[in-house]
Amino acid sequence: MIHRTGRVIGRFFTGYDILLTPTMCTPPHKLGQVSMMSIDIERFLHMWGGDNAFTQLFNASGNPAMSVPLHWLAGQLETAQPWANR
């Protein structure tokens, strides 16, 4: 399933150079709302899963992705602080 997803995404990018989405589906939660120590697993999964729906596809398919804070562009960040050799 993951390999098939990667191939579908690969075909998508034969016609497009970039896919721009938000990183999160909801505003950030207050500190402590999403806790790995919670015993309410259903609530944790619901909150966590709903927050990162945009990033899951790229996490699963192995495609490059970047979450850029504020209004900065990825190219400018990579030029200012190269990461490839880290």
PDB file of N, CA and C in Angstrom:
ATOM      1  N   MET A   1       0.815  -1.196   0.000  1.00  0.00           N
ATOM      2  CA  MET A   1       0.000   0.000   0.000  1.00  0.00           C
ATOM      3  C   MET A   1       0.863   1.266   0.000  1.00  0.00           C
ATOM      4  N   ILE A   2       1.914   1.263   0.808  1.00  0.00           N
ATOM      5  CA  ILE A   2       2.774   2.449   0.870  1.00  0.00           C
ATOM      6  C   ILE A   2       3.501   2.656  -0.457  1.00  0.00           C
ATOM      7  N   HIS A   3       3.982   1.577  -1.069  1.00  0.00           N
ATOM      8  CA  HIS A   3       4.681   1.711  -2.353  1.00  0.00           C
ATOM      9  C   HIS A   3       3.727   2.218  -3.434  1.00  0.00           C
ATOM     10  N   ARG A   4       2.500   1.728  -3.421  1.00  0.00           N
ATOM     11  CA  ARG A   4       1.513   2.186  -4.396  1.00  0.00           C
ATOM     12  C   ARG A   4       1.223   3.675  -4.182  1.00  0.00           C
ATOM     13  N   THR A   5       1.120   4.092  -2.932  1.00  0.00           N
ATOM     14  CA  THR A   5       0.889   5.505  -2.633  1.00  0.00           C
ATOM     15  C   THR A   5       2.038   6.354  -3.168  1.00  0.00           C
ATOM     16  N   GLY A   6       3.262   5.895  -2.972  1.00  0.00           N
ATOM     17  CA  GLY A   6       4.422   6.618  -3.494  1.00  0.00           C
ATOM     18  C   GLY A   6       4.380   6.755  -5.001  1.00  0.00           C
ATOM     19  N   ARG A   7       3.944   5.701  -5.695  1.00  0.00           N
ATOM     20  CA  ARG A   7       3.850   5.765  -7.161  1.00  0.00           C
ATOM     21  C   ARG A   7       2.759   6.735  -7.617  1.00  0.00           C
ATOM     22  N   VAL A   8       1.635   6.756  -6.903  1.00  0.00           N
ATOM     23  CA  VAL A   8       0.555   7.692  -7.240  1.00  0.00           C
ATOM     24  C   VAL A   8       1.025   9.125  -7.059  1.00  0.00           C
ATOM     25  N   ILE A   9       1.705   9.383  -5.959  1.00  0.00           N
ATOM     26  CA  ILE A   9       2.236  10.730  -5.717  1.00  0.00           C
ATOM     27  C   ILE A   9       3.269  11.085  -6.774  1.00  0.00           C
ATOM     28  N   GLY A  10       4.114  10.125  -7.149  1.00  0.00           N
ATOM     29  CA  GLY A  10       5.099  10.359  -8.195  1.00  0.00           C
ATOM     30  C   GLY A  10       4.449  10.753  -9.513  1.00  0.00           C
ATOM     31  N   ARG A  11       3.368  10.077  -9.875  1.00  0.00           N
ATOM     32  CA  ARG A  11       2.651  10.425 -11.111  1.00  0.00           C
ATOM     33  C   ARG A  11       2.049  11.829 -11.016  1.00  0.00           C
ATOM     34  N   PHE A  12       1.536  12.180  -9.846  1.00  0.00           N
ATOM     35  CA  PHE A  12       0.981  13.522  -9.656  1.00  0.00           C
ATOM     36  C   PHE A  12       2.036  14.579  -9.965  1.00  0.00           C
ATOM     37  N   PHE A  13       3.265  14.362  -9.497  1.00  0.00           N
ATOM     38  CA  PHE A  13       4.308  15.362  -9.662  1.00  0.00           C
ATOM     39  C   PHE A  13       4.931  15.362 -11.054  1.00  0.00           C
ATOM     40  N   THR A  14       4.488  14.521 -11.956  1.00  0.00           N
ATOM     41  CA  THR A  14       4.924  14.665 -13.349  1.00  0.00           C
ATOM     42  C   THR A  14       4.234  15.856 -14.000  1.00  0.00           C
ATOM     43  N   GLY A  15       3.109  16.283 -13.421  1.00  0.00           N
ATOM     44  CA  GLY A  15       2.394  17.428 -13.968  1.00  0.00           C
ATOM     45  C   GLY A  15       2.465  18.687 -13.121  1.00  0.00           C
ATOM     46  N   TYR A  16       3.012  18.550 -11.907  1.00  0.00           N
ATOM     47  CA  TYR A  16       3.087  19.689 -10.988  1.00  0.00           C
ATOM     48  C   TYR A  16       4.456  19.716 -10.321  1.00  0.00           C
ATOM     49  N   ASP A  17       4.939  20.912 -10.034  1.00  0.00           N
ATOM     50  CA  ASP A  17       6.234  21.061  -9.371  1.00  0.00           C
ATOM     51  C   ASP A  17       6.122  21.103  -7.859  1.00  0.00           C
ATOM     52  N   ILE A  18       4.976  21.537  -7.344  1.00  0.00           N
ATOM     53  CA  ILE A  18       4.833  21.734  -5.913  1.00  0.00           C
ATOM     54  C   ILE A  18       3.378  21.524  -5.501  1.00  0.00           C
ATOM     55  N   LEU A  19       3.191  21.054  -4.301  1.00  0.00           N
ATOM     56  CA  LEU A  19       1.866  20.961  -3.692  1.00  0.00           C
ATOM     57  C   LEU A  19       1.944  21.734  -2.384  1.00  0.00           C
ATOM     58  N   LEU A  20       1.212  22.803  -2.304  1.00  0.00           N
ATOM     59  CA  LEU A  20       1.254  23.674  -1.135  1.00  0.00           C
ATOM     60  C   LEU A  20       0.002  23.445  -0.301  1.00  0.00           C
ATOM     61  N   THR A  21       0.196  23.017   0.934  1.00  0.00           N
ATOM     62  CA  THR A  21      -0.912  22.784   1.855  1.00  0.00           C
ATOM     63  C   THR A  21      -0.530  23.358   3.218  1.00  0.00           C
ATOM     64  N   PRO A  22      -1.510  23.524   4.080  1.00  0.00           N
ATOM     65  CA  PRO A  22      -1.153  23.850   5.461  1.00  0.00           C
ATOM     66  C   PRO A  22      -0.440  22.654   6.087  1.00  0.00           C
ATOM     67  N   THR A  23       0.283  22.869   7.156  1.00  0.00           N
ATOM     68  CA  THR A  23       0.893  21.759   7.877  1.00  0.00           C
ATOM     69  C   THR A  23      -0.133  21.090   8.771  1.00  0.00           C
ATOM     70  N   MET A  24      -0.930  21.883   9.447  1.00  0.00           N
ATOM     71  CA  MET A  24      -1.921  21.339  10.373  1.00  0.00           C
ATOM     72  C   MET A  24      -3.325  21.687   9.900  1.00  0.00           C
ATOM     73  N   CYS A  25      -4.277  20.844  10.282  1.00  0.00           N
ATOM     74  CA  CYS A  25      -5.679  21.055   9.917  1.00  0.00           C
ATOM     75  C   CYS A  25      -6.404  21.943  10.908  1.00  0.00           C
ATOM     76  N   THR A  26      -5.818  22.106  12.076  1.00  0.00           N
ATOM     77  CA  THR A  26      -6.447  22.879  13.142  1.00  0.00           C
ATOM     78  C   THR A  26      -5.407  23.820  13.737  1.00  0.00           C
ATOM     79  N   PRO A  27      -5.855  24.844  14.439  1.00  0.00           N
ATOM     80  CA  PRO A  27      -4.883  25.665  15.174  1.00  0.00           C
ATOM     81  C   PRO A  27      -4.185  24.810  16.227  1.00  0.00           C
ATOM     82  N   PRO A  28      -3.001  25.186  16.649  1.00  0.00           N
ATOM     83  CA  PRO A  28      -2.287  24.396  17.667  1.00  0.00           C
ATOM     84  C   PRO A  28      -3.108  24.249  18.953  1.00  0.00           C
ATOM     85  N   HIS A  29      -2.979  23.099  19.568  1.00  0.00           N
ATOM     86  CA  HIS A  29      -3.657  22.847  20.840  1.00  0.00           C
ATOM     87  C   HIS A  29      -2.917  23.536  21.972  1.00  0.00           C
ATOM     88  N   LYS A  30      -3.634  23.785  23.041  1.00  0.00           N
ATOM     89  CA  LYS A  30      -2.998  24.346  24.227  1.00  0.00           C
ATOM     90  C   LYS A  30      -2.050  23.311  24.813  1.00  0.00           C
ATOM     91  N   LEU A  31      -1.010  23.788  25.439  1.00  0.00           N
ATOM     92  CA  LEU A  31      -0.006  22.930  26.036  1.00  0.00           C
ATOM     93  C   LEU A  31      -0.662  21.909  26.974  1.00  0.00           C
ATOM     94  N   GLY A  32      -0.343  20.650  26.775  1.00  0.00           N
ATOM     95  CA  GLY A  32      -0.846  19.580  27.624  1.00  0.00           C
ATOM     96  C   GLY A  32      -2.111  18.907  27.123  1.00  0.00           C
ATOM     97  N   GLN A  33      -2.788  19.472  26.115  1.00  0.00           N
ATOM     98  CA  GLN A  33      -4.014  18.850  25.617  1.00  0.00           C
ATOM     99  C   GLN A  33      -3.752  17.518  24.935  1.00  0.00           C
ATOM    100  N   VAL A  34      -2.668  17.433  24.201  1.00  0.00           N
ATOM    101  CA  VAL A  34      -2.301  16.188  23.527  1.00  0.00           C
ATOM    102  C   VAL A  34      -1.110  15.628  24.283  1.00  0.00           C
ATOM    103  N   SER A  35      -1.367  14.662  25.118  1.00  0.00           N
ATOM    104  CA  SER A  35      -0.327  14.125  25.978  1.00  0.00           C
ATOM    105  C   SER A  35      -0.097  12.648  25.696  1.00  0.00           C
ATOM    106  N   MET A  36       1.156  12.274  25.522  1.00  0.00           N
ATOM    107  CA  MET A  36       1.501  10.865  25.327  1.00  0.00           C
ATOM    108  C   MET A  36       1.226  10.052  26.595  1.00  0.00           C
ATOM    109  N   MET A  37       1.011  10.731  27.699  1.00  0.00           N
ATOM    110  CA  MET A  37       0.735  10.054  28.969  1.00  0.00           C
ATOM    111  C   MET A  37      -0.765   9.855  29.204  1.00  0.00           C
ATOM    112  N   SER A  38      -1.591  10.336  28.287  1.00  0.00           N
ATOM    113  CA  SER A  38      -3.046  10.244  28.453  1.00  0.00           C
ATOM    114  C   SER A  38      -3.499   8.784  28.437  1.00  0.00           C
ATOM    115  N   ILE A  39      -4.478   8.477  29.261  1.00  0.00           N
ATOM    116  CA  ILE A  39      -5.057   7.127  29.238  1.00  0.00           C
ATOM    117  C   ILE A  39      -6.241   7.062  28.284  1.00  0.00           C
ATOM    118  N   ASP A  40      -6.688   8.223  27.789  1.00  0.00           N
ATOM    119  CA  ASP A  40      -7.790   8.272  26.827  1.00  0.00           C
ATOM    120  C   ASP A  40      -7.216   8.181  25.413  1.00  0.00           C
ATOM    121  N   ILE A  41      -6.942   6.957  24.988  1.00  0.00           N
ATOM    122  CA  ILE A  41      -6.300   6.718  23.689  1.00  0.00           C
ATOM    123  C   ILE A  41      -7.173   7.208  22.530  1.00  0.00           C
ATOM    124  N   GLU A  42      -8.481   6.984  22.609  1.00  0.00           N
ATOM    125  CA  GLU A  42      -9.383   7.432  21.543  1.00  0.00           C
ATOM    126  C   GLU A  42      -9.281   8.942  21.322  1.00  0.00           C
ATOM    127  N   ARG A  43      -9.291   9.701  22.405  1.00  0.00           N
ATOM    128  CA  ARG A  43      -9.199  11.161  22.313  1.00  0.00           C
ATOM    129  C   ARG A  43      -7.843  11.569  21.745  1.00  0.00           C
ATOM    130  N   PHE A  44      -6.779  10.936  22.230  1.00  0.00           N
ATOM    131  CA  PHE A  44      -5.439  11.251  21.740  1.00  0.00           C
ATOM    132  C   PHE A  44      -5.346  11.018  20.233  1.00  0.00           C
ATOM    133  N   LEU A  45      -5.791   9.856  19.762  1.00  0.00           N
ATOM    134  CA  LEU A  45      -5.713   9.536  18.342  1.00  0.00           C
ATOM    135  C   LEU A  45      -6.585  10.457  17.505  1.00  0.00           C
ATOM    136  N   HIS A  46      -7.749  10.798  18.026  1.00  0.00           N
ATOM    137  CA  HIS A  46      -8.642  11.711  17.303  1.00  0.00           C
ATOM    138  C   HIS A  46      -7.983  13.085  17.144  1.00  0.00           C
ATOM    139  N   MET A  47      -7.429  13.596  18.214  1.00  0.00           N
ATOM    140  CA  MET A  47      -6.789  14.913  18.157  1.00  0.00           C
ATOM    141  C   MET A  47      -5.543  14.876  17.276  1.00  0.00           C
ATOM    142  N   TRP A  48      -4.720  13.874  17.476  1.00  0.00           N
ATOM    143  CA  TRP A  48      -3.461  13.782  16.727  1.00  0.00           C
ATOM    144  C   TRP A  48      -3.729  13.524  15.243  1.00  0.00           C
ATOM    145  N   GLY A  49      -4.609  12.597  14.939  1.00  0.00           N
ATOM    146  CA  GLY A  49      -4.898  12.256  13.547  1.00  0.00           C
ATOM    147  C   GLY A  49      -5.536  13.385  12.771  1.00  0.00           C
ATOM    148  N   GLY A  50      -6.380  14.156  13.433  1.00  0.00           N
ATOM    149  CA  GLY A  50      -7.014  15.279  12.762  1.00  0.00           C
ATOM    150  C   GLY A  50      -6.088  16.446  12.530  1.00  0.00           C
ATOM    151  N   ASP A  51      -5.034  16.513  13.288  1.00  0.00           N
ATOM    152  CA  ASP A  51      -4.105  17.636  13.163  1.00  0.00           C
ATOM    153  C   ASP A  51      -3.164  17.511  11.978  1.00  0.00           C
ATOM    154  N   ASN A  52      -2.745  16.310  11.677  1.00  0.00           N
ATOM    155  CA  ASN A  52      -1.662  16.154  10.698  1.00  0.00           C
ATOM    156  C   ASN A  52      -2.097  15.461   9.417  1.00  0.00           C
ATOM    157  N   ALA A  53      -3.334  15.608   9.031  1.00  0.00           N
ATOM    158  CA  ALA A  53      -3.829  14.930   7.828  1.00  0.00           C
ATOM    159  C   ALA A  53      -3.066  15.338   6.568  1.00  0.00           C
ATOM    160  N   PHE A  54      -2.591  16.556   6.504  1.00  0.00           N
ATOM    161  CA  PHE A  54      -1.876  17.011   5.310  1.00  0.00           C
ATOM    162  C   PHE A  54      -0.482  16.398   5.207  1.00  0.00           C
ATOM    163  N   THR A  55       0.144  16.104   6.327  1.00  0.00           N
ATOM    164  CA  THR A  55       1.512  15.587   6.291  1.00  0.00           C
ATOM    165  C   THR A  55       1.583  14.069   6.175  1.00  0.00           C
ATOM    166  N   GLN A  56       0.518  13.373   6.522  1.00  0.00           N
ATOM    167  CA  GLN A  56       0.545  11.907   6.529  1.00  0.00           C
ATOM    168  C   GLN A  56       0.888  11.312   5.169  1.00  0.00           C
ATOM    169  N   LEU A  57       0.357  11.889   4.097  1.00  0.00           N
ATOM    170  CA  LEU A  57       0.604  11.369   2.760  1.00  0.00           C
ATOM    171  C   LEU A  57       2.087  11.378   2.417  1.00  0.00           C
ATOM    172  N   PHE A  58       2.769  12.454   2.769  1.00  0.00           N
ATOM    173  CA  PHE A  58       4.194  12.546   2.465  1.00  0.00           C
ATOM    174  C   PHE A  58       5.033  11.730   3.427  1.00  0.00           C
ATOM    175  N   ASN A  59       4.616  11.624   4.664  1.00  0.00           N
ATOM    176  CA  ASN A  59       5.320  10.755   5.608  1.00  0.00           C
ATOM    177  C   ASN A  59       5.269   9.311   5.130  1.00  0.00           C
ATOM    178  N   ALA A  60       4.130   8.877   4.630  1.00  0.00           N
ATOM    179  CA  ALA A  60       3.945   7.487   4.211  1.00  0.00           C
ATOM    180  C   ALA A  60       4.605   7.194   2.867  1.00  0.00           C
ATOM    181  N   SER A  61       4.619   8.165   1.958  1.00  0.00           N
ATOM    182  CA  SER A  61       5.104   7.895   0.607  1.00  0.00           C
ATOM    183  C   SER A  61       6.593   8.150   0.432  1.00  0.00           C
ATOM    184  N   GLY A  62       7.239   8.758   1.421  1.00  0.00           N
ATOM    185  CA  GLY A  62       8.677   8.980   1.332  1.00  0.00           C
ATOM    186  C   GLY A  62       9.075  10.140   0.446  1.00  0.00           C
ATOM    187  N   ASN A  63       8.145  10.987   0.093  1.00  0.00           N
ATOM    188  CA  ASN A  63       8.457  12.154  -0.725  1.00  0.00           C
ATOM    189  C   ASN A  63       9.004  13.279   0.144  1.00  0.00           C
ATOM    190  N   PRO A  64       9.828  14.147  -0.435  1.00  0.00           N
ATOM    191  CA  PRO A  64      10.358  15.254   0.350  1.00  0.00           C
ATOM    192  C   PRO A  64       9.247  16.236   0.705  1.00  0.00           C
ATOM    193  N   ALA A  65       9.326  16.779   1.885  1.00  0.00           N
ATOM    194  CA  ALA A  65       8.336  17.754   2.342  1.00  0.00           C
ATOM    195  C   ALA A  65       9.014  18.693   3.328  1.00  0.00           C
ATOM    196  N   MET A  66       8.424  19.849   3.495  1.00  0.00           N
ATOM    197  CA  MET A  66       8.984  20.814   4.420  1.00  0.00           C
ATOM    198  C   MET A  66       7.861  21.611   5.048  1.00  0.00           C
ATOM    199  N   SER A  67       7.911  21.758   6.350  1.00  0.00           N
ATOM    200  CA  SER A  67       6.999  22.637   7.066  1.00  0.00           C
ATOM    201  C   SER A  67       7.748  23.934   7.315  1.00  0.00           C
ATOM    202  N   VAL A  68       7.258  24.996   6.738  1.00  0.00           N
ATOM    203  CA  VAL A  68       7.953  26.268   6.806  1.00  0.00           C
ATOM    204  C   VAL A  68       7.215  27.191   7.768  1.00  0.00           C
ATOM    205  N   PRO A  69       7.899  27.679   8.816  1.00  0.00           N
ATOM    206  CA  PRO A  69       7.229  28.566   9.765  1.00  0.00           C
ATOM    207  C   PRO A  69       6.953  29.946   9.157  1.00  0.00           C
ATOM    208  N   LEU A  70       5.904  30.531   9.637  1.00  0.00           N
ATOM    209  CA  LEU A  70       5.510  31.872   9.217  1.00  0.00           C
ATOM    210  C   LEU A  70       5.373  31.949   7.705  1.00  0.00           C
ATOM    211  N   HIS A  71       5.995  32.892   7.085  1.00  0.00           N
ATOM    212  CA  HIS A  71       5.843  33.117   5.652  1.00  0.00           C
ATOM    213  C   HIS A  71       7.140  32.857   4.876  1.00  0.00           C
ATOM    214  N   TRP A  72       8.108  32.235   5.515  1.00  0.00           N
ATOM    215  CA  TRP A  72       9.398  32.010   4.851  1.00  0.00           C
ATOM    216  C   TRP A  72       9.263  30.952   3.763  1.00  0.00           C
ATOM    217  N   LEU A  73      10.140  31.021   2.787  1.00  0.00           N
ATOM    218  CA  LEU A  73      10.159  30.026   1.708  1.00  0.00           C
ATOM    219  C   LEU A  73      11.272  29.025   1.949  1.00  0.00           C
ATOM    220  N   ALA A  74      11.016  27.780   1.560  1.00  0.00           N
ATOM    221  CA  ALA A  74      11.972  26.696   1.790  1.00  0.00           C
ATOM    222  C   ALA A  74      13.325  26.985   1.156  1.00  0.00           C
ATOM    223  N   GLY A  75      13.367  27.492  -0.051  1.00  0.00           N
ATOM    224  CA  GLY A  75      14.635  27.788  -0.722  1.00  0.00           C
ATOM    225  C   GLY A  75      15.465  28.800   0.039  1.00  0.00           C
ATOM    226  N   GLN A  76      14.821  29.792   0.588  1.00  0.00           N
ATOM    227  CA  GLN A  76      15.531  30.800   1.365  1.00  0.00           C
ATOM    228  C   GLN A  76      16.100  30.190   2.641  1.00  0.00           C
ATOM    229  N   LEU A  77      15.340  29.300   3.273  1.00  0.00           N
ATOM    230  CA  LEU A  77      15.841  28.639   4.481  1.00  0.00           C
ATOM    231  C   LEU A  77      17.028  27.743   4.175  1.00  0.00           C
ATOM    232  N   GLU A  78      16.941  26.992   3.092  1.00  0.00           N
ATOM    233  CA  GLU A  78      18.043  26.100   2.742  1.00  0.00           C
ATOM    234  C   GLU A  78      19.294  26.880   2.376  1.00  0.00           C
ATOM    235  N   THR A  79      19.147  28.043   1.737  1.00  0.00           N
ATOM    236  CA  THR A  79      20.290  28.881   1.399  1.00  0.00           C
ATOM    237  C   THR A  79      20.926  29.470   2.659  1.00  0.00           C
ATOM    238  N   ALA A  80      20.089  29.917   3.564  1.00  0.00           N
ATOM    239  CA  ALA A  80      20.589  30.543   4.793  1.00  0.00           C
ATOM    240  C   ALA A  80      21.217  29.530   5.750  1.00  0.00           C
ATOM    241  N   GLN A  81      20.639  28.348   5.847  1.00  0.00           N
ATOM    242  CA  GLN A  81      21.137  27.325   6.766  1.00  0.00           C
ATOM    243  C   GLN A  81      21.078  25.965   6.075  1.00  0.00           C
ATOM    244  N   PRO A  82      22.068  25.673   5.229  1.00  0.00           N
ATOM    245  CA  PRO A  82      22.057  24.399   4.500  1.00  0.00           C
ATOM    246  C   PRO A  82      21.970  23.201   5.447  1.00  0.00           C
ATOM    247  N   TRP A  83      21.201  22.204   5.058  1.00  0.00           N
ATOM    248  CA  TRP A  83      20.992  21.046   5.928  1.00  0.00           C
ATOM    249  C   TRP A  83      21.518  19.756   5.314  1.00  0.00           C
ATOM    250  N   ALA A  84      21.835  19.768   4.038  1.00  0.00           N
ATOM    251  CA  ALA A  84      22.162  18.527   3.325  1.00  0.00           C
ATOM    252  C   ALA A  84      23.351  17.781   3.932  1.00  0.00           C
ATOM    253  N   ASN A  85      24.318  18.492   4.473  1.00  0.00           N
ATOM    254  CA  ASN A  85      25.525  17.836   5.012  1.00  0.00           C
ATOM    255  C   ASN A  85      25.417  17.477   6.476  1.00  0.00           C
ATOM    256  N   ARG A  86      24.269  17.665   7.082  1.00  0.00           N
ATOM    257  CA  ARG A  86      24.107  17.353   8.508  1.00  0.00           C
ATOM    258  C   ARG A  86      23.751  15.903   8.708  1.00  0.00           C
TER     259      ARG A  86
END
